[in-house]
């Protein structure tokens, strides 16, 4: 994407976390400043593109499980990021054609691309919202027209929570988001974790993110489990994302190179 084609009001001088991730995935919705930042990160963490692909594979497996075995047909993807191959509604409908998906993001360019892609789909909504204000997300008129909160809902927080520091209390944000969900609802989380990573490489990568639209914060398995509160964390628990119910194609010799932890939880039974 050429910088001169940027939509009015879109800042192309500061690296953007959604567009960096898009570059790692091989997408085209990024600008020179995003590519430069991504290449800087890859000098310290050369496996970053493979990590991004592993994260998408985890999301795909989790959504297939939810739409199939778990019987969920409503999804709210918070911090959805730029549209790419295998979007949530495509994966879910591959299992259950009646699946409905609300994509939520606070990035103007993400919203513009998503709305252009989903314009003719009645079972999809694209909603402006920020996890820092969960009540606004839940009250959004478009979201509530699509999502029936009397029925189970799957909330997806994939590669978003590590962009919120402890000083903002993300644990309370998530609790507020989940508080009113009915029985049978599920939560999917993937979260960056520097365990097993060389400390110098981690710091150099984090320094690039600090110069972008958001810094990044590592959390360990115990901290990630805390996001689920009293919900039941399903087997195999909080693990490296490539270890969460992998297919043969997703297996990795060293799962720690994904640098992401993942888990799926559901409301307490009974």
Protein backbone atom coordinates (compact mmCIF):
# COMPACT_ATOMS: atom_id res chain seq x y z
CA UNK A 1 0.00 0.00 0.00
CA UNK A 2 1.51 3.30 -1.06
CA UNK A 3 1.72 5.99 1.58
CA UNK A 4 0.12 8.57 -0.69
CA UNK A 5 -3.02 6.39 -0.88
CA UNK A 6 -3.65 6.57 2.86
CA UNK A 7 -7.20 7.63 3.75
CA UNK A 8 -7.65 11.12 5.11
CA UNK A 9 -6.94 11.23 8.83
CA UNK A 10 -4.84 8.04 8.90
CA UNK A 11 -1.42 8.59 10.46
CA UNK A 12 1.25 6.84 8.39
CA UNK A 13 4.20 8.41 10.23
CA UNK A 14 3.82 6.30 13.39
CA UNK A 15 4.03 2.50 13.21
CA UNK A 16 0.65 0.94 13.87
CA UNK A 17 0.36 -2.36 15.77
CA UNK A 18 -2.45 -3.71 13.55
CA UNK A 19 -0.52 -2.90 10.39
CA UNK A 20 2.72 -4.40 11.78
CA UNK A 21 0.80 -7.60 12.49
CA UNK A 22 -0.69 -7.46 8.98
CA UNK A 23 2.85 -7.27 7.56
CA UNK A 24 3.94 -10.31 9.61
CA UNK A 25 0.98 -12.21 8.13
CA UNK A 26 1.99 -11.25 4.60
CA UNK A 27 -0.82 -8.74 4.17
CA UNK A 28 -0.81 -5.58 2.08
CA UNK A 29 -2.62 -3.16 4.38
CA UNK A 30 0.52 -1.55 5.78
CA UNK A 31 2.77 1.41 5.10
CA UNK A 32 6.51 2.04 4.91
CA UNK A 33 6.77 3.02 8.57
CA UNK A 34 4.99 -0.19 9.60
CA UNK A 35 7.23 -2.34 7.42
CA UNK A 36 10.34 -0.66 8.79
CA UNK A 37 9.18 -1.32 12.37
CA UNK A 38 8.33 -4.92 11.55
CA UNK A 39 11.75 -5.48 9.98
CA UNK A 40 13.38 -4.00 13.09
CA UNK A 41 11.47 -6.42 15.28
CA UNK A 42 12.46 -9.32 13.05
CA UNK A 43 16.14 -8.50 13.50
CA UNK A 44 15.73 -9.41 17.18
CA UNK A 45 12.85 -11.88 16.81
CA UNK A 46 13.20 -13.46 13.35
CA UNK A 47 10.38 -15.89 14.14
CA UNK A 48 7.84 -13.04 14.49
CA UNK A 49 6.02 -13.85 11.20
CA UNK A 50 5.80 -17.54 12.16
CA UNK A 51 4.48 -16.46 15.57
CA UNK A 52 1.76 -14.35 13.93
CA UNK A 53 0.74 -17.26 11.71
CA UNK A 54 0.64 -19.59 14.74
CA UNK A 55 -1.62 -17.11 16.48
CA UNK A 56 -4.03 -17.10 13.55
CA UNK A 57 -3.97 -20.90 13.51
CA UNK A 58 -4.82 -20.95 17.23
CA UNK A 59 -7.73 -18.57 16.60
CA UNK A 60 -8.97 -20.81 13.78
CA UNK A 61 -8.87 -23.95 15.94
CA UNK A 62 -10.59 -22.21 18.84
CA UNK A 63 -13.40 -20.83 16.66
CA UNK A 64 -13.95 -24.20 15.00
CA UNK A 65 -14.21 -25.82 18.43
CA UNK A 66 -16.65 -23.17 19.65
CA UNK A 67 -18.87 -23.26 16.56
CA UNK A 68 -18.85 -27.05 16.52
CA UNK A 69 -18.36 -29.00 19.73
CA UNK A 70 -19.30 -26.12 22.04
CA UNK A 71 -22.37 -25.17 19.97
CA UNK A 72 -21.74 -21.41 20.06
CA UNK A 73 -23.11 -19.38 17.17
CA UNK A 74 -22.43 -15.82 18.40
CA UNK A 75 -18.96 -14.29 18.47
CA UNK A 76 -17.66 -10.91 19.62
CA UNK A 77 -14.09 -10.37 18.41
CA UNK A 78 -12.61 -7.47 20.42
CA UNK A 79 -9.46 -5.95 18.93
CA UNK A 80 -10.19 -7.79 15.72
CA UNK A 81 -7.44 -6.17 13.65
CA UNK A 82 -7.28 -5.91 9.89
CA UNK A 83 -9.28 -8.42 7.84
CA UNK A 84 -7.19 -11.29 6.53
CA UNK A 85 -7.68 -14.81 5.18
CA UNK A 86 -9.71 -16.99 7.51
CA UNK A 87 -11.68 -14.27 9.26
CA UNK A 88 -13.74 -15.37 12.26
CA UNK A 89 -17.08 -15.33 10.45
CA UNK A 90 -15.63 -17.43 7.62
CA UNK A 91 -14.20 -20.02 10.00
CA UNK A 92 -17.32 -20.16 12.19
CA UNK A 93 -19.67 -20.49 9.21
CA UNK A 94 -17.56 -23.30 7.84
CA UNK A 95 -18.88 -25.23 10.85
CA UNK A 96 -22.22 -23.49 11.50
CA UNK A 97 -23.66 -21.43 8.61
CA UNK A 98 -25.87 -19.52 11.06
CA UNK A 99 -22.94 -18.07 13.02
CA UNK A 100 -23.03 -14.32 13.70
CA UNK A 101 -19.93 -12.23 14.36
CA UNK A 102 -19.38 -8.74 15.70
CA UNK A 103 -15.92 -7.31 15.05
CA UNK A 104 -14.82 -4.59 17.49
CA UNK A 105 -11.81 -2.32 17.12
CA UNK A 106 -10.76 1.24 17.91
CA UNK A 107 -8.44 1.74 14.93
CA UNK A 108 -9.99 3.88 12.12
CA UNK A 109 -8.16 2.05 9.34
CA UNK A 110 -9.19 -1.35 10.72
CA UNK A 111 -12.80 -0.20 10.86
CA UNK A 112 -12.69 1.19 7.31
CA UNK A 113 -11.27 -2.02 5.84
CA UNK A 114 -13.60 -4.27 7.82
CA UNK A 115 -16.70 -2.30 6.88
CA UNK A 116 -15.73 -2.35 3.21
CA UNK A 117 -15.33 -6.12 3.34
CA UNK A 118 -18.49 -6.89 5.34
CA UNK A 119 -20.85 -4.31 3.80
CA UNK A 120 -23.31 -6.86 2.36
CA UNK A 121 -23.25 -9.39 5.19
CA UNK A 122 -26.27 -9.25 7.47
CA UNK A 123 -24.72 -11.69 9.95
CA UNK A 124 -21.69 -9.49 10.61
CA UNK A 125 -21.33 -6.16 12.39
CA UNK A 126 -18.28 -3.91 12.57
CA UNK A 127 -18.31 -1.84 15.73
CA UNK A 128 -16.06 0.93 16.98
CA UNK A 129 -15.09 0.14 20.55
CA UNK A 130 -12.23 -0.05 23.02
CA UNK A 131 -11.67 -2.79 25.59
CA UNK A 132 -10.87 -0.05 28.08
CA UNK A 133 -14.57 0.86 27.97
CA UNK A 134 -16.35 -2.51 27.93
CA UNK A 135 -19.77 -1.15 28.81
CA UNK A 136 -19.74 0.95 25.64
CA UNK A 137 -19.02 -2.14 23.57
CA UNK A 138 -21.87 -4.07 25.16
CA UNK A 139 -24.29 -1.15 24.73
CA UNK A 140 -23.53 -0.54 21.05
CA UNK A 141 -26.76 -0.54 19.09
CA UNK A 142 -25.39 -2.41 16.05
CA UNK A 143 -23.82 -5.07 18.23
CA UNK A 144 -27.01 -5.62 20.22
CA UNK A 145 -29.08 -5.92 17.03
CA UNK A 146 -26.85 -8.80 15.97
CA UNK A 147 -25.87 -10.48 19.23
CA UNK A 148 -28.58 -11.88 21.52
CA UNK A 149 -27.16 -11.78 25.05
CA UNK A 150 -29.80 -14.24 26.24
CA UNK A 151 -27.89 -16.93 24.34
CA UNK A 152 -24.25 -18.07 24.73
CA UNK A 153 -21.62 -15.71 23.34
CA UNK A 154 -17.95 -16.33 22.60
CA UNK A 155 -15.73 -13.34 23.37
CA UNK A 156 -12.40 -13.36 21.54
CA UNK A 157 -9.48 -11.40 23.03
CA UNK A 158 -6.77 -12.54 20.66
CA UNK A 159 -3.43 -10.72 20.71
CA UNK A 160 -4.91 -7.62 22.38
CA UNK A 161 -4.44 -7.83 26.15
CA UNK A 162 -0.66 -7.54 25.98
CA UNK A 163 -1.12 -4.03 24.61
CA UNK A 164 -2.73 -2.92 27.88
CA UNK A 165 -0.45 -2.29 30.84
CA UNK A 166 -1.14 -3.31 34.43
CA UNK A 167 -1.55 0.35 35.37
CA UNK A 168 -4.80 0.34 33.36
CA UNK A 169 -6.08 -2.77 35.17
CA UNK A 170 -6.94 -5.02 32.21
CA UNK A 171 -8.16 -7.74 34.59
CA UNK A 172 -11.06 -5.53 35.69
CA UNK A 173 -11.77 -4.58 32.06
CA UNK A 174 -12.18 -8.23 31.12
CA UNK A 175 -14.29 -8.98 34.21
CA UNK A 176 -16.64 -6.13 33.29
CA UNK A 177 -16.91 -7.42 29.73
CA UNK A 178 -17.77 -10.94 30.86
CA UNK A 179 -19.94 -10.07 33.84
CA UNK A 180 -23.32 -10.11 32.08
CA UNK A 181 -22.74 -13.02 29.68
CA UNK A 182 -25.16 -15.96 29.99
CA UNK A 183 -24.40 -19.59 30.83
CA UNK A 184 -22.63 -21.43 28.03
CA UNK A 185 -20.56 -18.41 27.03
CA UNK A 186 -16.85 -18.78 26.28
CA UNK A 187 -13.71 -16.66 26.36
CA UNK A 188 -10.70 -17.08 24.06
CA UNK A 189 -7.39 -15.40 24.92
CA UNK A 190 -3.99 -15.34 23.30
CA UNK A 191 -1.32 -13.26 24.99
CA UNK A 192 2.32 -12.42 24.38
CA UNK A 193 4.83 -14.04 26.75
CA UNK A 194 8.59 -13.57 26.73
CA UNK A 195 9.30 -16.81 28.61
CA UNK A 196 12.11 -18.66 26.86
CA UNK A 197 13.07 -15.55 24.89
CA UNK A 198 16.47 -13.94 25.16
CA UNK A 199 16.08 -10.90 27.39
CA UNK A 200 18.01 -8.61 25.05
CA UNK A 201 15.92 -9.65 22.06
CA UNK A 202 12.73 -9.08 24.02
CA UNK A 203 13.78 -5.60 25.11
CA UNK A 204 14.81 -4.60 21.59
CA UNK A 205 11.47 -5.76 20.19
CA UNK A 206 9.57 -4.00 22.96
CA UNK A 207 11.47 -0.78 22.27
CA UNK A 208 10.11 -0.80 18.72
CA UNK A 209 6.56 -1.25 19.97
CA UNK A 210 7.04 1.62 22.44
CA UNK A 211 7.62 3.87 19.41
CA UNK A 212 4.44 2.56 17.74
CA UNK A 213 0.80 3.15 18.61
CA UNK A 214 1.06 0.85 21.65
CA UNK A 215 3.72 -0.75 23.81
CA UNK A 216 3.64 -4.47 24.62
CA UNK A 217 3.51 -6.21 28.02
CA UNK A 218 4.47 -9.83 28.68
CA UNK A 219 2.37 -11.92 31.13
CA UNK A 220 3.06 -15.44 32.37
CA UNK A 221 0.64 -18.40 32.46
CA UNK A 222 -0.60 -17.61 35.97
CA UNK A 223 -1.37 -14.02 34.99
CA UNK A 224 -3.14 -15.11 31.80
CA UNK A 225 -5.24 -17.59 33.82
CA UNK A 226 -6.26 -14.71 36.08
CA UNK A 227 -8.18 -13.10 33.19
CA UNK A 228 -10.66 -15.98 33.30
CA UNK A 229 -11.66 -15.19 36.88
CA UNK A 230 -13.99 -17.91 38.12
CA UNK A 231 -14.59 -19.36 34.66
CA UNK A 232 -13.55 -22.93 33.87
CA UNK A 233 -10.40 -23.10 31.75
CA UNK A 234 -10.82 -25.95 29.31
CA UNK A 235 -8.16 -28.58 28.60
CA UNK A 236 -5.27 -28.31 27.98
CA UNK A 237 -5.28 -25.11 30.09
CA UNK A 238 -3.04 -22.08 29.51
CA UNK A 239 -0.37 -23.33 27.10
CA UNK A 240 1.76 -22.16 24.21
CA UNK A 241 -0.70 -21.51 21.39
CA UNK A 242 0.66 -24.30 19.19
CA UNK A 243 -0.06 -26.74 22.05
CA UNK A 244 -3.78 -25.86 22.24
CA UNK A 245 -5.53 -28.81 20.57
CA UNK A 246 -3.15 -28.78 17.59
CA UNK A 247 -3.73 -30.37 14.23
CA UNK A 248 -0.77 -32.19 12.66
CA UNK A 249 -0.14 -29.12 10.49
CA UNK A 250 0.07 -26.83 13.54
CA UNK A 251 2.51 -28.88 15.62
CA UNK A 252 5.85 -27.21 16.38
CA UNK A 253 9.07 -28.76 17.68
CA UNK A 254 9.60 -25.82 20.03
CA UNK A 255 6.24 -24.24 20.95
CA UNK A 256 7.93 -21.42 22.87
CA UNK A 257 9.02 -19.77 19.61
CA UNK A 258 5.41 -18.71 19.12
CA UNK A 259 5.85 -16.27 22.06
CA UNK A 260 2.08 -16.52 22.67
CA UNK A 261 0.11 -18.25 25.40
CA UNK A 262 -3.45 -19.30 24.68
CA UNK A 263 -6.49 -20.66 26.47
CA UNK A 264 -10.25 -21.09 26.15
CA UNK A 265 -12.64 -20.84 29.11
CA UNK A 266 -16.37 -21.08 29.70
CA UNK A 267 -18.86 -19.93 32.27
CA UNK A 268 -18.98 -22.09 35.40
CA UNK A 269 -21.26 -25.09 35.03
CA UNK A 270 -24.47 -24.89 37.02
